[in-house]
Protein backbone atom coordinates (compact mmCIF):
# COMPACT_ATOMS: atom_id res chain seq x y z
CA MET A 1 -139.84 -32.51 92.91
CA THR A 2 -141.56 -30.45 95.49
CA ARG A 3 -144.00 -32.19 97.63
CA PHE A 4 -147.20 -30.56 99.13
CA GLN A 5 -148.84 -31.18 102.40
CA GLN A 6 -151.80 -33.76 101.60
CA LEU A 7 -155.13 -32.19 101.71
CA PRO A 8 -157.77 -33.73 104.26
CA TRP A 9 -159.59 -36.39 102.78
CA SER A 10 -162.93 -34.38 103.01
CA LEU A 11 -161.49 -32.20 100.37
CA ARG A 12 -159.60 -34.54 98.23
CA ALA A 13 -162.91 -36.56 98.30
CA VAL A 14 -164.83 -33.62 96.38
CA PRO A 15 -164.46 -32.09 93.00
CA SER A 16 -164.06 -28.29 94.36
CA PHE A 17 -164.00 -26.79 97.69
CA THR A 18 -164.01 -22.85 98.98
CA THR A 19 -160.93 -21.66 100.42
CA GLY A 20 -162.96 -21.00 103.45
CA GLU A 21 -164.03 -24.98 103.90
CA ALA A 22 -160.23 -25.44 103.52
CA GLN A 23 -158.75 -23.13 105.88
CA ARG A 24 -161.56 -24.20 108.52
CA ARG A 25 -159.83 -27.68 108.03
CA GLY A 26 -156.38 -26.33 108.87
CA VAL A 27 -155.04 -25.85 105.22
CA HIS A 28 -152.69 -23.02 104.97
CA TRP A 29 -153.36 -20.53 102.48
CA ARG A 30 -150.10 -21.01 100.92
CA ARG A 31 -151.12 -24.62 100.17
CA LEU A 32 -154.22 -23.34 98.10
CA GLY A 33 -151.72 -21.99 95.57
CA ALA A 34 -149.95 -25.32 95.16
CA PRO A 35 -150.01 -26.62 91.18
CA ASP A 36 -152.01 -29.62 92.03
CA LEU A 37 -155.18 -27.23 92.68
CA GLU A 38 -156.82 -24.66 90.25
CA ARG A 39 -158.64 -21.64 90.92
CA THR A 40 -162.06 -22.02 88.80
CA PHE A 41 -163.68 -18.72 90.64
CA HIS A 42 -162.87 -16.32 93.14
CA GLY A 43 -162.81 -18.40 96.53
CA VAL A 44 -162.83 -21.92 95.12
CA ARG A 45 -160.19 -24.53 94.26
CA ARG A 46 -160.53 -27.57 92.63
CA HIS A 47 -158.34 -30.55 91.52
CA VAL A 48 -156.47 -30.48 88.66
CA ASP A 49 -156.41 -33.92 87.97
CA ALA A 50 -159.61 -34.26 85.53
CA GLU A 51 -161.26 -32.10 83.09
CA LEU A 52 -164.30 -29.94 84.18
CA THR A 53 -167.70 -30.85 82.59
CA ILE A 54 -170.34 -28.00 82.57
CA ARG A 55 -171.81 -29.71 85.59
CA GLU A 56 -168.66 -29.54 87.71
CA LEU A 57 -168.06 -26.20 86.85
CA ALA A 58 -171.69 -24.92 87.66
CA GLU A 59 -171.08 -26.95 90.91
CA ALA A 60 -168.15 -25.14 91.95
CA TYR A 61 -169.36 -21.84 90.96
CA ALA A 62 -172.36 -22.73 93.22
CA LYS A 63 -170.28 -22.61 96.41
CA ARG A 64 -170.37 -19.03 95.99
CA MET A 65 -173.53 -18.34 94.24
CA PRO A 66 -175.90 -15.82 96.01
CA ARG A 67 -179.38 -16.98 96.34
CA ARG A 68 -180.74 -14.69 93.76
CA GLN A 69 -178.90 -15.92 91.18
CA VAL A 70 -179.83 -18.83 89.07
CA PHE A 71 -178.45 -20.76 85.88
CA SER A 72 -180.04 -20.11 82.87
CA HIS A 73 -179.37 -20.19 79.09
CA THR A 74 -177.13 -22.60 77.47
CA THR A 75 -175.69 -23.39 81.30
CA ALA A 76 -179.39 -24.36 82.08
CA ALA A 77 -179.67 -26.38 78.83
CA ALA A 78 -176.52 -28.19 79.61
CA LEU A 79 -177.75 -29.23 83.04
CA TRP A 80 -181.17 -30.47 81.83
CA GLN A 81 -179.11 -32.07 79.06
CA ILE A 82 -181.00 -30.57 76.26
CA PRO A 83 -179.25 -31.17 72.95
CA ILE A 84 -177.62 -28.23 71.21
CA PRO A 85 -174.79 -27.84 68.44
CA ARG A 86 -171.36 -27.31 69.50
CA ARG A 87 -172.10 -27.56 73.31
CA PRO A 88 -168.57 -27.95 75.31
CA VAL A 89 -168.36 -31.29 77.09
CA ALA A 90 -165.34 -30.42 79.33
CA VAL A 91 -163.39 -27.21 79.76
CA ARG A 92 -160.13 -26.58 81.48
CA PRO A 93 -160.26 -23.53 83.71
CA SER A 94 -156.94 -21.47 83.89
CA ARG A 95 -154.99 -21.35 87.07
CA THR A 96 -153.90 -17.62 86.65
CA VAL A 97 -155.66 -15.56 88.63
CA GLY A 98 -156.77 -12.34 86.92
CA ASP A 99 -156.65 -14.02 83.33
CA GLY A 100 -160.21 -13.94 83.06
CA GLY A 101 -160.82 -17.09 84.62
CA PRO A 102 -162.37 -20.16 82.82
CA ARG A 103 -162.53 -20.43 78.77
CA VAL A 104 -166.09 -21.45 78.75
CA LEU A 105 -168.53 -19.22 80.40
CA LEU A 106 -171.54 -20.17 82.61
CA ASP A 107 -174.83 -18.46 82.28
CA VAL A 108 -176.26 -16.82 85.42
CA SER A 109 -179.44 -14.56 85.79
CA VAL A 110 -180.62 -12.51 88.34
CA PRO A 111 -184.21 -11.13 88.80
CA ARG A 112 -185.07 -7.26 87.30
CA GLY A 113 -183.77 -4.86 89.86
CA SER A 114 -180.32 -6.76 90.40
CA ALA A 115 -176.87 -6.26 89.10
CA ARG A 116 -175.89 -8.49 86.69
CA PRO A 117 -173.33 -10.93 87.95
CA ALA A 118 -169.94 -9.95 87.10
CA ALA A 119 -167.38 -12.87 88.17
CA ALA A 120 -164.77 -14.10 85.99
CA GLY A 121 -166.11 -17.09 83.79
CA VAL A 122 -169.71 -15.94 84.09
CA ARG A 123 -172.20 -14.38 81.70
CA GLY A 124 -174.86 -12.53 83.58
CA HIS A 125 -178.32 -11.95 82.53
CA VAL A 126 -181.49 -10.10 83.95
CA ILE A 127 -184.59 -11.93 83.65
CA ALA A 128 -188.00 -11.66 84.70
CA PHE A 129 -188.36 -14.15 87.39
CA ASP A 130 -192.30 -13.93 87.73
CA ARG A 131 -192.05 -15.63 84.09
CA VAL A 132 -189.94 -18.56 85.11
CA GLN A 133 -189.72 -21.46 87.82
CA VAL A 134 -186.62 -21.76 89.66
CA ILE A 135 -185.70 -25.57 90.39
CA VAL A 136 -183.18 -27.37 92.25
CA HIS A 137 -181.97 -29.78 89.85
CA GLY A 138 -178.93 -31.99 91.14
CA GLY A 139 -178.19 -29.46 93.95
CA LEU A 140 -178.19 -26.40 91.63
CA ARG A 141 -180.78 -23.93 91.11
CA VAL A 142 -181.63 -23.44 87.33
CA VAL A 143 -184.66 -22.42 85.47
CA ASP A 144 -187.31 -24.72 84.32
CA PRO A 145 -186.69 -26.85 81.29
CA ALA A 146 -189.27 -24.54 79.39
CA THR A 147 -187.59 -21.79 80.02
CA ALA A 148 -183.90 -22.76 79.55
CA TRP A 149 -185.73 -23.59 75.62
CA ILE A 150 -186.90 -20.31 75.51
CA HIS A 151 -183.46 -18.67 76.40
CA LEU A 152 -182.06 -20.66 73.30
CA GLY A 153 -184.20 -18.72 70.76
CA ALA A 154 -182.00 -15.77 70.49
CA SER A 155 -178.73 -18.24 69.63
CA LEU A 156 -180.03 -21.50 67.92
CA SER A 157 -181.49 -22.04 64.29
CA VAL A 158 -185.17 -23.36 63.74
CA ASP A 159 -184.09 -26.96 63.58
CA ASP A 160 -181.77 -26.61 66.47
CA LEU A 161 -184.88 -25.51 68.47
CA VAL A 162 -186.89 -28.17 67.13
CA ALA A 163 -184.66 -31.01 68.15
CA ALA A 164 -184.18 -29.33 71.55
CA ALA A 165 -188.22 -29.39 71.96
CA GLU A 166 -188.39 -32.65 70.99
CA PHE A 167 -185.85 -33.87 73.58
CA LEU A 168 -188.12 -31.91 76.14
CA ILE A 169 -191.52 -33.07 75.52
CA THR A 170 -190.16 -36.88 74.63
CA GLY A 171 -187.23 -37.51 76.79
CA SER A 172 -186.58 -41.50 76.77
CA GLN A 173 -190.22 -42.21 77.35
CA PRO A 174 -190.72 -44.48 73.76
CA TYR A 175 -187.99 -46.35 75.22
CA ASP A 176 -188.31 -46.95 78.93
CA GLY A 177 -191.76 -45.08 79.56
CA ARG A 178 -190.17 -42.52 81.94
CA PRO A 179 -191.85 -39.23 81.79
CA PRO A 180 -190.29 -36.39 79.90
CA ARG A 181 -188.89 -32.95 81.29
CA CYS A 182 -192.05 -31.20 80.04
CA THR A 183 -195.16 -31.19 78.16
CA PRO A 184 -196.21 -29.52 75.17
CA ASP A 185 -198.58 -27.33 76.80
CA GLU A 186 -195.73 -26.29 79.01
CA LEU A 187 -193.69 -25.18 76.05
CA ARG A 188 -196.67 -23.29 74.49
CA SER A 189 -197.39 -21.41 77.81
CA ALA A 190 -193.72 -20.58 78.20
CA ILE A 191 -193.83 -18.98 74.66
CA SER A 192 -196.95 -17.30 75.64
CA SER A 193 -195.60 -15.50 78.58
CA HIS A 194 -192.39 -14.74 76.88
CA ALA A 195 -193.79 -13.19 73.83
CA GLY A 196 -191.57 -10.14 72.60
CA VAL A 197 -188.08 -11.91 73.87
CA ARG A 198 -185.57 -12.28 71.12
CA GLY A 199 -186.24 -15.41 69.11
CA ILE A 200 -189.64 -15.70 69.73
CA GLU A 201 -190.67 -16.34 66.18
CA ALA A 202 -188.18 -18.77 65.53
CA LEU A 203 -189.32 -20.55 68.83
CA ARG A 204 -193.01 -20.33 67.65
CA ARG A 205 -192.00 -21.97 64.05
CA ALA A 206 -189.75 -24.63 66.13
CA PHE A 207 -192.82 -25.35 68.31
CA SER A 208 -195.14 -25.70 65.23
CA LEU A 209 -192.64 -28.48 63.73
CA ALA A 210 -192.03 -30.32 66.88
CA ARG A 211 -193.20 -34.17 67.61
CA TRP A 212 -193.35 -36.39 70.29
CA GLY A 213 -191.34 -39.31 69.85
CA ALA A 214 -187.83 -38.73 68.53
CA LEU A 215 -185.04 -40.47 70.69
CA SER A 216 -182.00 -38.53 69.42
CA ARG A 217 -181.09 -35.15 67.51
CA ARG A 218 -180.29 -37.00 64.60
CA GLU A 219 -183.56 -38.42 64.02
CA THR A 220 -185.23 -35.06 64.44
CA LEU A 221 -182.94 -33.56 61.96
CA MET A 222 -183.55 -36.61 59.53
CA ARG A 223 -187.16 -36.05 59.78
CA LEU A 224 -187.02 -32.47 59.10
CA ASP A 225 -184.82 -32.93 55.80
CA LEU A 226 -187.28 -35.57 54.47
CA VAL A 227 -190.34 -33.30 54.77
CA ARG A 228 -188.26 -30.53 53.37
CA ALA A 229 -187.65 -32.61 50.69
CA GLY A 230 -191.46 -32.81 50.01
CA LEU A 231 -191.80 -36.41 51.37
CA PRO A 232 -194.55 -37.82 53.59
CA GLU A 233 -193.72 -37.12 57.29
CA PRO A 234 -192.26 -40.23 58.78
CA VAL A 235 -193.39 -41.83 62.14
CA PRO A 236 -190.76 -41.54 64.99
CA ASN A 237 -189.54 -44.55 66.78
CA HIS A 238 -192.16 -46.98 65.11
CA ARG A 239 -192.60 -50.46 66.97
CA ILE A 240 -192.66 -53.69 64.72
CA LEU A 241 -194.08 -56.46 66.11
CA ASP A 242 -193.93 -60.53 65.06
CA ASP A 243 -197.18 -62.83 64.66
CA ARG A 244 -196.82 -63.46 68.50
CA GLY A 245 -196.68 -59.86 69.06
CA GLU A 246 -193.02 -59.79 70.44
CA LEU A 247 -191.10 -56.79 69.68
CA VAL A 248 -188.83 -57.12 66.33
CA ALA A 249 -187.51 -53.37 66.38
CA MET A 250 -188.07 -49.90 66.91
CA LEU A 251 -187.19 -48.13 63.97
CA ASP A 252 -185.92 -44.76 64.17
CA LEU A 253 -188.30 -43.33 61.36
CA ALA A 254 -190.95 -45.25 59.44
CA TYR A 255 -193.49 -45.11 56.86
CA PRO A 256 -195.42 -48.02 57.98
CA ASP A 257 -198.01 -48.00 54.95
CA ARG A 258 -195.06 -48.91 52.72
CA ARG A 259 -192.89 -50.98 55.42
CA VAL A 260 -190.05 -48.54 54.75
CA GLY A 261 -187.79 -47.77 57.83
CA ILE A 262 -185.00 -45.49 58.15
CA GLU A 263 -182.21 -46.06 60.87
CA TYR A 264 -179.24 -43.83 61.76
CA GLN A 265 -175.89 -46.06 62.16
CA SER A 266 -173.81 -44.14 64.76
CA ASP A 267 -170.02 -45.11 65.61
CA LEU A 268 -171.56 -46.66 68.70
CA HIS A 269 -172.76 -49.66 66.12
CA ARG A 270 -169.20 -50.35 65.22
CA THR A 271 -168.87 -52.85 67.81
CA PRO A 272 -168.51 -56.61 67.08
CA ALA A 273 -171.44 -57.20 69.44
CA GLN A 274 -173.55 -54.47 68.01
CA TRP A 275 -172.80 -55.20 64.43
CA ARG A 276 -174.05 -58.95 65.20
CA ARG A 277 -177.36 -57.49 66.60
CA ASP A 278 -177.76 -55.14 63.75
CA ILE A 279 -177.52 -58.01 61.40
CA ARG A 280 -179.85 -60.19 63.23
CA ARG A 281 -182.42 -57.41 63.39
CA LEU A 282 -182.24 -56.37 59.63
CA GLU A 283 -182.77 -59.93 58.82
CA ARG A 284 -185.96 -60.24 61.21
CA LEU A 285 -187.21 -57.01 59.66
CA ALA A 286 -186.60 -58.54 56.08
CA ASP A 287 -188.67 -61.55 57.10
CA ALA A 288 -191.56 -59.13 58.31
CA GLY A 289 -191.35 -57.49 55.02
CA TRP A 290 -189.59 -54.37 55.96
CA VAL A 291 -186.77 -52.65 53.95
CA VAL A 292 -184.57 -50.34 55.59
CA VAL A 293 -182.72 -47.23 54.46
CA GLN A 294 -179.39 -46.93 56.42
CA ALA A 295 -177.97 -43.19 57.16
CA THR A 296 -174.86 -42.11 58.92
CA SER A 297 -173.35 -38.89 59.51
CA ASP A 298 -172.33 -38.12 55.92
CA ASP A 299 -176.43 -37.97 55.34
CA VAL A 300 -177.46 -35.73 58.23
CA SER A 301 -175.24 -33.47 60.40
CA ALA A 302 -175.90 -32.53 63.89
CA ASP A 303 -172.99 -29.93 64.50
CA GLY A 304 -174.74 -26.93 63.62
CA ARG A 305 -173.43 -26.89 60.00
CA LEU A 306 -175.42 -26.38 57.03
CA ARG A 307 -176.22 -30.05 55.69
CA ASP A 308 -176.76 -31.66 52.08
CA SER A 309 -179.20 -34.30 52.81
CA ARG A 310 -180.77 -34.42 49.09
CA GLU A 311 -179.01 -37.82 48.16
CA PHE A 312 -180.61 -39.26 51.48
CA ALA A 313 -183.98 -37.82 50.69
CA GLU A 314 -183.69 -39.44 47.10
CA ARG A 315 -183.03 -42.83 48.70
CA VAL A 316 -185.70 -42.88 50.72
CA ARG A 317 -187.80 -41.47 47.93
CA ARG A 318 -186.92 -44.31 45.86
CA ARG A 319 -187.47 -46.87 48.34
CA LEU A 320 -191.00 -45.35 48.94
CA LEU A 321 -191.76 -45.34 45.17
CA GLN A 322 -190.72 -48.96 45.03
CA ARG A 323 -193.06 -50.09 47.43
CA SER A 324 -196.69 -50.35 46.93
CA PRO A 325 -198.82 -49.28 50.39
CA PHE A 326 -199.90 -52.24 52.34
CA ALA A 327 -203.43 -52.69 53.49
C-alpha cells in the first residue's frame, strides 16, 4: 500500500482547506491528488473519511466564495435548519476533476448586475439585494430566514411552506423559551417586498395558515390534516398542569374543552427508557381526565408524498364525539 506524506496538523484538524493554504504549509501539489483527499470545488480539498453535510459543503465553498455571493434558497433553508421535504442530510462529492463536482448543488446568489455563479456543484441565482438582509450565520454569508422562506415558494407545496413558516416563527420557544428565527411581521414584510416572485400566492396562503406553537413538521401536518377534514383547529403544544401547578405533559395537539390530546410517536420513542416515560405520562394524563389519540408515520407523512390521513382524522372525530365539553 502506498503511504503518503502526513499533512500538517493544521490541515488535518479542519474538514477542508484550500490548495493555497496547503502550499503555504509546504505541501507538494502531488500530495493534493492523493486518494485520502477529495476535490469539493476548484482549489478546495477535503478529507474523505466522513460524509459531507450541507453545512460542511457550504463551508468548503466559502473558502473560495467572492464577497458579492451569498447562500440562498434551499441551501439557506438547510443552514437555518428550516424543515423541508427530501432535504439531503449528507452528500459525497466526487473526486474526479471535471465530472461535474458534487451531486448536491449549493444555491448561491449574487446581486442584480452580476454574473451568476458558474462553479461546478453550484446553482446560481440573481436576486435583488435591496430586498434582503445578508447575515453571517455560523461564519457563512446567508440570506435572512424570512427571505430563505420566500425562496422556497417556487418549489414547495402550501403545506410544506406552512411547516417551514411555523418553524421560523416558533422555533423551540414553547419548550425552552428561546426566541424563534423571525416574527410573523417579518414574514409578512418579506411577502410584501417580494410581490410578483414565483410562488407568491402559495406563500400568502401558507402564511394565512401558519400558527405559532408547533415544535415539529409532523405536528404542523397533523393540524392541517385535521382542519382539512372539517374538525375544529387543535391547540399546538398545550400544557397540562396538575392540582399543584406542576407540569404533567405538553401535548403535541389538544382540544382542551374536550380533554382530547393528540401525540405523534416517532421511532425516537422506541427506546426502553422513553417507553417507560411515555407510559407514566399517559397514566398521569388519564388521571387528569384526558384521553390521548396516538399517531405514527402511517397517519401523517412528512416526506413530501401525498398523504391519506382520513382514518386518523376519523379516530380523532370519534374521540371528540365521545367526550362532553368541560366547563
